[in-house]
Amino acid sequence: MKKVTMFSKATCPYCIRAEKLLIERGVTNLEKISIDTNREQRAVMIERTGRTTVPQIFIGDKHVGGCDDLMALDRAGELTALLAD
């Protein structure tokens, strides 16, 4: 399974929902980068994604977007294949 990286905030309900879905799909190697405790990472997130909201999720090197984007991939049946090596 590919590594998943998620820029997030601790109290963000969308971050929590995205993490729950990823765990349900078998992700065990989730790297969460907190932008509320590490402000420099917010600038990194914006530079990498062009977006200012969290979560911002990467599967491998592919930016998949936020929680709604992740949910849409799952509904379309594409998330499991994207997670596979």
PDB file of N, CA and C in Angstrom:
ATOM      1  N   MET A   1       0.848  -1.182   0.000  1.00  0.00           N
ATOM      2  CA  MET A   1       0.000   0.000   0.000  1.00  0.00           C
ATOM      3  C   MET A   1       0.891   1.242   0.000  1.00  0.00           C
ATOM      4  N   LYS A   2       0.483   2.237  -0.770  1.00  0.00           N
ATOM      5  CA  LYS A   2       1.245   3.478  -0.871  1.00  0.00           C
ATOM      6  C   LYS A   2       1.163   4.270   0.427  1.00  0.00           C
ATOM      7  N   LYS A   3       2.188   5.068   0.663  1.00  0.00           N
ATOM      8  CA  LYS A   3       2.204   5.961   1.808  1.00  0.00           C
ATOM      9  C   LYS A   3       1.196   7.076   1.572  1.00  0.00           C
ATOM     10  N   VAL A   4       0.488   7.451   2.619  1.00  0.00           N
ATOM     11  CA  VAL A   4      -0.478   8.542   2.545  1.00  0.00           C
ATOM     12  C   VAL A   4      -0.009   9.652   3.476  1.00  0.00           C
ATOM     13  N   THR A   5       0.013  10.867   2.949  1.00  0.00           N
ATOM     14  CA  THR A   5       0.385  12.044   3.730  1.00  0.00           C
ATOM     15  C   THR A   5      -0.810  12.975   3.764  1.00  0.00           C
ATOM     16  N   MET A   6      -1.116  13.479   4.967  1.00  0.00           N
ATOM     17  CA  MET A   6      -2.272  14.357   5.104  1.00  0.00           C
ATOM     18  C   MET A   6      -1.898  15.575   5.945  1.00  0.00           C
ATOM     19  N   PHE A   7      -2.020  16.758   5.352  1.00  0.00           N
ATOM     20  CA  PHE A   7      -1.898  17.992   6.112  1.00  0.00           C
ATOM     21  C   PHE A   7      -3.223  18.175   6.838  1.00  0.00           C
ATOM     22  N   SER A   8      -3.160  18.431   8.150  1.00  0.00           N
ATOM     23  CA  SER A   8      -4.400  18.468   8.915  1.00  0.00           C
ATOM     24  C   SER A   8      -4.299  19.397  10.118  1.00  0.00           C
ATOM     25  N   LYS A   9      -5.446  19.558  10.776  1.00  0.00           N
ATOM     26  CA  LYS A   9      -5.555  20.239  12.071  1.00  0.00           C
ATOM     27  C   LYS A   9      -6.239  19.273  13.020  1.00  0.00           C
ATOM     28  N   ALA A  10      -5.879  19.338  14.281  1.00  0.00           N
ATOM     29  CA  ALA A  10      -6.384  18.384  15.268  1.00  0.00           C
ATOM     30  C   ALA A  10      -7.903  18.417  15.428  1.00  0.00           C
ATOM     31  N   THR A  11      -8.501  19.577  15.360  1.00  0.00           N
ATOM     32  CA  THR A  11      -9.933  19.692  15.618  1.00  0.00           C
ATOM     33  C   THR A  11     -10.789  19.772  14.352  1.00  0.00           C
ATOM     34  N   CYS A  12     -10.188  19.530  13.203  1.00  0.00           N
ATOM     35  CA  CYS A  12     -10.905  19.631  11.931  1.00  0.00           C
ATOM     36  C   CYS A  12     -11.765  18.378  11.707  1.00  0.00           C
ATOM     37  N   PRO A  13     -13.095  18.539  11.627  1.00  0.00           N
ATOM     38  CA  PRO A  13     -13.954  17.363  11.425  1.00  0.00           C
ATOM     39  C   PRO A  13     -13.730  16.688  10.062  1.00  0.00           C
ATOM     40  N   TYR A  14     -13.345  17.453   9.057  1.00  0.00           N
ATOM     41  CA  TYR A  14     -13.077  16.862   7.742  1.00  0.00           C
ATOM     42  C   TYR A  14     -11.794  16.031   7.765  1.00  0.00           C
ATOM     43  N   CYS A  15     -10.820  16.485   8.538  1.00  0.00           N
ATOM     44  CA  CYS A  15      -9.571  15.717   8.701  1.00  0.00           C
ATOM     45  C   CYS A  15      -9.856  14.394   9.395  1.00  0.00           C
ATOM     46  N   ILE A  16     -10.680  14.449  10.432  1.00  0.00           N
ATOM     47  CA  ILE A  16     -11.045  13.247  11.181  1.00  0.00           C
ATOM     48  C   ILE A  16     -11.810  12.281  10.278  1.00  0.00           C
ATOM     49  N   ARG A  17     -12.738  12.794   9.486  1.00  0.00           N
ATOM     50  CA  ARG A  17     -13.524  11.958   8.574  1.00  0.00           C
ATOM     51  C   ARG A  17     -12.631  11.321   7.508  1.00  0.00           C
ATOM     52  N   ALA A  18     -11.701  12.100   6.950  1.00  0.00           N
ATOM     53  CA  ALA A  18     -10.791  11.571   5.929  1.00  0.00           C
ATOM     54  C   ALA A  18      -9.894  10.485   6.524  1.00  0.00           C
ATOM     55  N   GLU A  19      -9.364  10.729   7.715  1.00  0.00           N
ATOM     56  CA  GLU A  19      -8.512   9.729   8.360  1.00  0.00           C
ATOM     57  C   GLU A  19      -9.292   8.442   8.625  1.00  0.00           C
ATOM     58  N   LYS A  20     -10.521   8.572   9.075  1.00  0.00           N
ATOM     59  CA  LYS A  20     -11.361   7.390   9.337  1.00  0.00           C
ATOM     60  C   LYS A  20     -11.559   6.574   8.062  1.00  0.00           C
ATOM     61  N   LEU A  21     -11.863   7.238   6.945  1.00  0.00           N
ATOM     62  CA  LEU A  21     -12.060   6.525   5.681  1.00  0.00           C
ATOM     63  C   LEU A  21     -10.771   5.820   5.253  1.00  0.00           C
ATOM     64  N   LEU A  22      -9.652   6.505   5.370  1.00  0.00           N
ATOM     65  CA  LEU A  22      -8.376   5.895   4.978  1.00  0.00           C
ATOM     66  C   LEU A  22      -8.080   4.650   5.816  1.00  0.00           C
ATOM     67  N   ILE A  23      -8.337   4.739   7.109  1.00  0.00           N
ATOM     68  CA  ILE A  23      -8.122   3.572   7.976  1.00  0.00           C
ATOM     69  C   ILE A  23      -9.071   2.437   7.592  1.00  0.00           C
ATOM     70  N   GLU A  24     -10.324   2.774   7.287  1.00  0.00           N
ATOM     71  CA  GLU A  24     -11.290   1.757   6.849  1.00  0.00           C
ATOM     72  C   GLU A  24     -10.843   1.070   5.559  1.00  0.00           C
ATOM     73  N   ARG A  25     -10.108   1.789   4.727  1.00  0.00           N
ATOM     74  CA  ARG A  25      -9.622   1.220   3.465  1.00  0.00           C
ATOM     75  C   ARG A  25      -8.267   0.538   3.617  1.00  0.00           C
ATOM     76  N   GLY A  26      -7.795   0.412   4.873  1.00  0.00           N
ATOM     77  CA  GLY A  26      -6.601  -0.374   5.143  1.00  0.00           C
ATOM     78  C   GLY A  26      -5.304   0.396   5.253  1.00  0.00           C
ATOM     79  N   VAL A  27      -5.366   1.710   5.258  1.00  0.00           N
ATOM     80  CA  VAL A  27      -4.139   2.507   5.364  1.00  0.00           C
ATOM     81  C   VAL A  27      -3.570   2.374   6.776  1.00  0.00           C
ATOM     82  N   THR A  28      -2.311   1.967   6.833  1.00  0.00           N
ATOM     83  CA  THR A  28      -1.622   1.861   8.121  1.00  0.00           C
ATOM     84  C   THR A  28      -0.422   2.797   8.186  1.00  0.00           C
ATOM     85  N   ASN A  29      -0.045   3.359   7.067  1.00  0.00           N
ATOM     86  CA  ASN A  29       1.127   4.234   7.017  1.00  0.00           C
ATOM     87  C   ASN A  29       0.708   5.663   6.676  1.00  0.00           C
ATOM     88  N   LEU A  30      -0.104   6.250   7.548  1.00  0.00           N
ATOM     89  CA  LEU A  30      -0.593   7.609   7.348  1.00  0.00           C
ATOM     90  C   LEU A  30       0.321   8.587   8.087  1.00  0.00           C
ATOM     91  N   GLU A  31       0.911   9.506   7.340  1.00  0.00           N
ATOM     92  CA  GLU A  31       1.720  10.557   7.947  1.00  0.00           C
ATOM     93  C   GLU A  31       0.855  11.810   8.029  1.00  0.00           C
ATOM     94  N   LYS A  32       0.540  12.203   9.261  1.00  0.00           N
ATOM     95  CA  LYS A  32      -0.256  13.412   9.463  1.00  0.00           C
ATOM     96  C   LYS A  32       0.691  14.563   9.786  1.00  0.00           C
ATOM     97  N   ILE A  33       0.568  15.635   9.023  1.00  0.00           N
ATOM     98  CA  ILE A  33       1.369  16.828   9.238  1.00  0.00           C
ATOM     99  C   ILE A  33       0.436  17.896   9.792  1.00  0.00           C
ATOM    100  N   SER A  34       0.635  18.220  11.042  1.00  0.00           N
ATOM    101  CA  SER A  34      -0.242  19.168  11.720  1.00  0.00           C
ATOM    102  C   SER A  34       0.163  20.596  11.388  1.00  0.00           C
ATOM    103  N   ILE A  35      -0.762  21.354  10.804  1.00  0.00           N
ATOM    104  CA  ILE A  35      -0.439  22.745  10.491  1.00  0.00           C
ATOM    105  C   ILE A  35      -0.865  23.681  11.626  1.00  0.00           C
ATOM    106  N   ASP A  36      -1.584  23.157  12.635  1.00  0.00           N
ATOM    107  CA  ASP A  36      -1.928  24.023  13.762  1.00  0.00           C
ATOM    108  C   ASP A  36      -0.813  24.058  14.808  1.00  0.00           C
ATOM    109  N   THR A  37      -0.009  23.019  14.892  1.00  0.00           N
ATOM    110  CA  THR A  37       1.106  23.019  15.832  1.00  0.00           C
ATOM    111  C   THR A  37       2.433  23.315  15.149  1.00  0.00           C
ATOM    112  N   ASN A  38       2.444  23.272  13.820  1.00  0.00           N
ATOM    113  CA  ASN A  38       3.666  23.523  13.064  1.00  0.00           C
ATOM    114  C   ASN A  38       3.327  24.490  11.926  1.00  0.00           C
ATOM    115  N   ARG A  39       3.322  25.768  12.238  1.00  0.00           N
ATOM    116  CA  ARG A  39       2.872  26.807  11.303  1.00  0.00           C
ATOM    117  C   ARG A  39       3.661  26.836   9.993  1.00  0.00           C
ATOM    118  N   GLU A  40       4.941  26.467  10.029  1.00  0.00           N
ATOM    119  CA  GLU A  40       5.747  26.483   8.807  1.00  0.00           C
ATOM    120  C   GLU A  40       5.180  25.496   7.775  1.00  0.00           C
ATOM    121  N   GLN A  41       4.581  24.425   8.267  1.00  0.00           N
ATOM    122  CA  GLN A  41       4.033  23.412   7.368  1.00  0.00           C
ATOM    123  C   GLN A  41       2.813  23.916   6.603  1.00  0.00           C
ATOM    124  N   ARG A  42       2.124  24.929   7.141  1.00  0.00           N
ATOM    125  CA  ARG A  42       0.996  25.512   6.408  1.00  0.00           C
ATOM    126  C   ARG A  42       1.490  26.125   5.097  1.00  0.00           C
ATOM    127  N   ALA A  43       2.603  26.837   5.160  1.00  0.00           N
ATOM    128  CA  ALA A  43       3.180  27.435   3.953  1.00  0.00           C
ATOM    129  C   ALA A  43       3.618  26.351   2.973  1.00  0.00           C
ATOM    130  N   VAL A  44       4.171  25.269   3.485  1.00  0.00           N
ATOM    131  CA  VAL A  44       4.579  24.142   2.635  1.00  0.00           C
ATOM    132  C   VAL A  44       3.348  23.553   1.941  1.00  0.00           C
ATOM    133  N   MET A  45       2.269  23.374   2.708  1.00  0.00           N
ATOM    134  CA  MET A  45       1.031  22.819   2.148  1.00  0.00           C
ATOM    135  C   MET A  45       0.495  23.702   1.023  1.00  0.00           C
ATOM    136  N   ILE A  46       0.449  25.000   1.266  1.00  0.00           N
ATOM    137  CA  ILE A  46      -0.078  25.924   0.256  1.00  0.00           C
ATOM    138  C   ILE A  46       0.794  25.897  -0.994  1.00  0.00           C
ATOM    139  N   GLU A  47       2.096  25.856  -0.812  1.00  0.00           N
ATOM    140  CA  GLU A  47       3.003  25.808  -1.960  1.00  0.00           C
ATOM    141  C   GLU A  47       2.812  24.527  -2.765  1.00  0.00           C
ATOM    142  N   ARG A  48       2.639  23.393  -2.072  1.00  0.00           N
ATOM    143  CA  ARG A  48       2.508  22.105  -2.765  1.00  0.00           C
ATOM    144  C   ARG A  48       1.147  21.925  -3.424  1.00  0.00           C
ATOM    145  N   THR A  49       0.093  22.509  -2.827  1.00  0.00           N
ATOM    146  CA  THR A  49      -1.255  22.215  -3.312  1.00  0.00           C
ATOM    147  C   THR A  49      -1.970  23.401  -3.945  1.00  0.00           C
ATOM    148  N   GLY A  50      -1.551  24.603  -3.598  1.00  0.00           N
ATOM    149  CA  GLY A  50      -2.275  25.788  -4.052  1.00  0.00           C
ATOM    150  C   GLY A  50      -3.570  26.002  -3.286  1.00  0.00           C
ATOM    151  N   ARG A  51      -3.782  25.250  -2.234  1.00  0.00           N
ATOM    152  CA  ARG A  51      -5.003  25.336  -1.436  1.00  0.00           C
ATOM    153  C   ARG A  51      -4.674  25.743  -0.008  1.00  0.00           C
ATOM    154  N   THR A  52      -5.656  26.356   0.664  1.00  0.00           N
ATOM    155  CA  THR A  52      -5.440  26.842   2.030  1.00  0.00           C
ATOM    156  C   THR A  52      -6.252  26.071   3.071  1.00  0.00           C
ATOM    157  N   THR A  53      -7.075  25.140   2.638  1.00  0.00           N
ATOM    158  CA  THR A  53      -7.927  24.406   3.575  1.00  0.00           C
ATOM    159  C   THR A  53      -7.358  23.025   3.863  1.00  0.00           C
ATOM    160  N   VAL A  54      -7.752  22.480   4.999  1.00  0.00           N
ATOM    161  CA  VAL A  54      -7.357  21.120   5.367  1.00  0.00           C
ATOM    162  C   VAL A  54      -8.593  20.244   5.408  1.00  0.00           C
ATOM    163  N   PRO A  55      -8.411  18.959   5.200  1.00  0.00           N
ATOM    164  CA  PRO A  55      -7.155  18.283   4.946  1.00  0.00           C
ATOM    165  C   PRO A  55      -6.719  18.442   3.493  1.00  0.00           C
ATOM    166  N   GLN A  56      -5.432  18.245   3.265  1.00  0.00           N
ATOM    167  CA  GLN A  56      -4.881  18.105   1.920  1.00  0.00           C
ATOM    168  C   GLN A  56      -4.148  16.773   1.927  1.00  0.00           C
ATOM    169  N   ILE A  57      -4.552  15.891   1.037  1.00  0.00           N
ATOM    170  CA  ILE A  57      -4.136  14.488   1.086  1.00  0.00           C
ATOM    171  C   ILE A  57      -3.320  14.126  -0.145  1.00  0.00           C
ATOM    172  N   PHE A  58      -2.233  13.426   0.107  1.00  0.00           N
ATOM    173  CA  PHE A  58      -1.381  12.879  -0.950  1.00  0.00           C
ATOM    174  C   PHE A  58      -1.354  11.369  -0.797  1.00  0.00           C
ATOM    175  N   ILE A  59      -1.565  10.656  -1.892  1.00  0.00           N
ATOM    176  CA  ILE A  59      -1.386   9.209  -1.926  1.00  0.00           C
ATOM    177  C   ILE A  59      -0.177   8.967  -2.807  1.00  0.00           C
ATOM    178  N   GLY A  60       0.888   8.472  -2.177  1.00  0.00           N
ATOM    179  CA  GLY A  60       2.172   8.452  -2.868  1.00  0.00           C
ATOM    180  C   GLY A  60       2.546   9.891  -3.158  1.00  0.00           C
ATOM    181  N   ASP A  61       2.884  10.204  -4.395  1.00  0.00           N
ATOM    182  CA  ASP A  61       3.218  11.572  -4.792  1.00  0.00           C
ATOM    183  C   ASP A  61       2.037  12.316  -5.385  1.00  0.00           C
ATOM    184  N   LYS A  62       0.885  11.652  -5.485  1.00  0.00           N
ATOM    185  CA  LYS A  62      -0.291  12.255  -6.139  1.00  0.00           C
ATOM    186  C   LYS A  62      -1.141  13.027  -5.132  1.00  0.00           C
ATOM    187  N   HIS A  63      -1.381  14.297  -5.420  1.00  0.00           N
ATOM    188  CA  HIS A  63      -2.268  15.105  -4.591  1.00  0.00           C
ATOM    189  C   HIS A  63      -3.706  14.771  -4.979  1.00  0.00           C
ATOM    190  N   VAL A  64      -4.475  14.257  -4.022  1.00  0.00           N
ATOM    191  CA  VAL A  64      -5.858  13.902  -4.329  1.00  0.00           C
ATOM    192  C   VAL A  64      -6.841  14.970  -3.874  1.00  0.00           C
ATOM    193  N   GLY A  65      -6.372  15.935  -3.083  1.00  0.00           N
ATOM    194  CA  GLY A  65      -7.245  17.021  -2.651  1.00  0.00           C
ATOM    195  C   GLY A  65      -7.655  16.888  -1.205  1.00  0.00           C
ATOM    196  N   GLY A  66      -8.873  17.341  -0.915  1.00  0.00           N
ATOM    197  CA  GLY A  66      -9.381  17.360   0.448  1.00  0.00           C
ATOM    198  C   GLY A  66     -10.311  16.192   0.737  1.00  0.00           C
ATOM    199  N   CYS A  67     -11.064  16.328   1.811  1.00  0.00           N
ATOM    200  CA  CYS A  67     -11.963  15.258   2.254  1.00  0.00           C
ATOM    201  C   CYS A  67     -13.020  14.944   1.200  1.00  0.00           C
ATOM    202  N   ASP A  68     -13.649  15.970   0.647  1.00  0.00           N
ATOM    203  CA  ASP A  68     -14.685  15.734  -0.368  1.00  0.00           C
ATOM    204  C   ASP A  68     -14.115  15.011  -1.585  1.00  0.00           C
ATOM    205  N   ASP A  69     -12.905  15.390  -1.981  1.00  0.00           N
ATOM    206  CA  ASP A  69     -12.251  14.732  -3.120  1.00  0.00           C
ATOM    207  C   ASP A  69     -11.969  13.262  -2.808  1.00  0.00           C
ATOM    208  N   LEU A  70     -11.503  13.005  -1.586  1.00  0.00           N
ATOM    209  CA  LEU A  70     -11.225  11.631  -1.160  1.00  0.00           C
ATOM    210  C   LEU A  70     -12.500  10.792  -1.155  1.00  0.00           C
ATOM    211  N   MET A  71     -13.573  11.355  -0.622  1.00  0.00           N
ATOM    212  CA  MET A  71     -14.864  10.654  -0.573  1.00  0.00           C
ATOM    213  C   MET A  71     -15.371  10.369  -1.991  1.00  0.00           C
ATOM    214  N   ALA A  72     -15.200  11.327  -2.896  1.00  0.00           N
ATOM    215  CA  ALA A  72     -15.638  11.136  -4.280  1.00  0.00           C
ATOM    216  C   ALA A  72     -14.848  10.009  -4.950  1.00  0.00           C
ATOM    217  N   LEU A  73     -13.539   9.950  -4.692  1.00  0.00           N
ATOM    218  CA  LEU A  73     -12.732   8.848  -5.225  1.00  0.00           C
ATOM    219  C   LEU A  73     -13.243   7.513  -4.717  1.00  0.00           C
ATOM    220  N   ASP A  74     -13.590   7.472  -3.432  1.00  0.00           N
ATOM    221  CA  ASP A  74     -14.088   6.235  -2.844  1.00  0.00           C
ATOM    222  C   ASP A  74     -15.436   5.838  -3.453  1.00  0.00           C
ATOM    223  N   ARG A  75     -16.337   6.799  -3.589  1.00  0.00           N
ATOM    224  CA  ARG A  75     -17.653   6.505  -4.185  1.00  0.00           C
ATOM    225  C   ARG A  75     -17.524   6.019  -5.620  1.00  0.00           C
ATOM    226  N   ALA A  76     -16.537   6.536  -6.339  1.00  0.00           N
ATOM    227  CA  ALA A  76     -16.319   6.137  -7.732  1.00  0.00           C
ATOM    228  C   ALA A  76     -15.583   4.796  -7.839  1.00  0.00           C
ATOM    229  N   GLY A  77     -15.179   4.235  -6.693  1.00  0.00           N
ATOM    230  CA  GLY A  77     -14.481   2.958  -6.699  1.00  0.00           C
ATOM    231  C   GLY A  77     -13.017   3.066  -7.082  1.00  0.00           C
ATOM    232  N   GLU A  78     -12.451   4.265  -7.032  1.00  0.00           N
ATOM    233  CA  GLU A  78     -11.073   4.489  -7.468  1.00  0.00           C
ATOM    234  C   GLU A  78     -10.064   4.555  -6.325  1.00  0.00           C
ATOM    235  N   LEU A  79     -10.528   4.737  -5.094  1.00  0.00           N
ATOM    236  CA  LEU A  79      -9.611   4.929  -3.980  1.00  0.00           C
ATOM    237  C   LEU A  79      -8.775   3.690  -3.682  1.00  0.00           C
ATOM    238  N   THR A  80      -9.386   2.535  -3.654  1.00  0.00           N
ATOM    239  CA  THR A  80      -8.664   1.302  -3.344  1.00  0.00           C
ATOM    240  C   THR A  80      -7.541   1.054  -4.351  1.00  0.00           C
ATOM    241  N   ALA A  81      -7.821   1.258  -5.629  1.00  0.00           N
ATOM    242  CA  ALA A  81      -6.801   1.062  -6.654  1.00  0.00           C
ATOM    243  C   ALA A  81      -5.676   2.078  -6.518  1.00  0.00           C
ATOM    244  N   LEU A  82      -6.022   3.301  -6.164  1.00  0.00           N
ATOM    245  CA  LEU A  82      -5.015   4.345  -5.997  1.00  0.00           C
ATOM    246  C   LEU A  82      -4.100   4.043  -4.806  1.00  0.00           C
ATOM    247  N   LEU A  83      -4.654   3.441  -3.766  1.00  0.00           N
ATOM    248  CA  LEU A  83      -3.868   3.098  -2.584  1.00  0.00           C
ATOM    249  C   LEU A  83      -2.936   1.920  -2.811  1.00  0.00           C
ATOM    250  N   ALA A  84      -3.298   1.043  -3.734  1.00  0.00           N
ATOM    251  CA  ALA A  84      -2.499  -0.175  -3.985  1.00  0.00           C
ATOM    252  C   ALA A  84      -1.152   0.171  -4.577  1.00  0.00           C
ATOM    253  N   ASP A  85      -0.160  -0.646  -4.247  1.00  0.00           N
ATOM    254  CA  ASP A  85       1.181  -0.452  -4.817  1.00  0.00           C
ATOM    255  C   ASP A  85       1.218  -0.773  -6.283  1.00  0.00           C
TER     256      ASP A  85
END
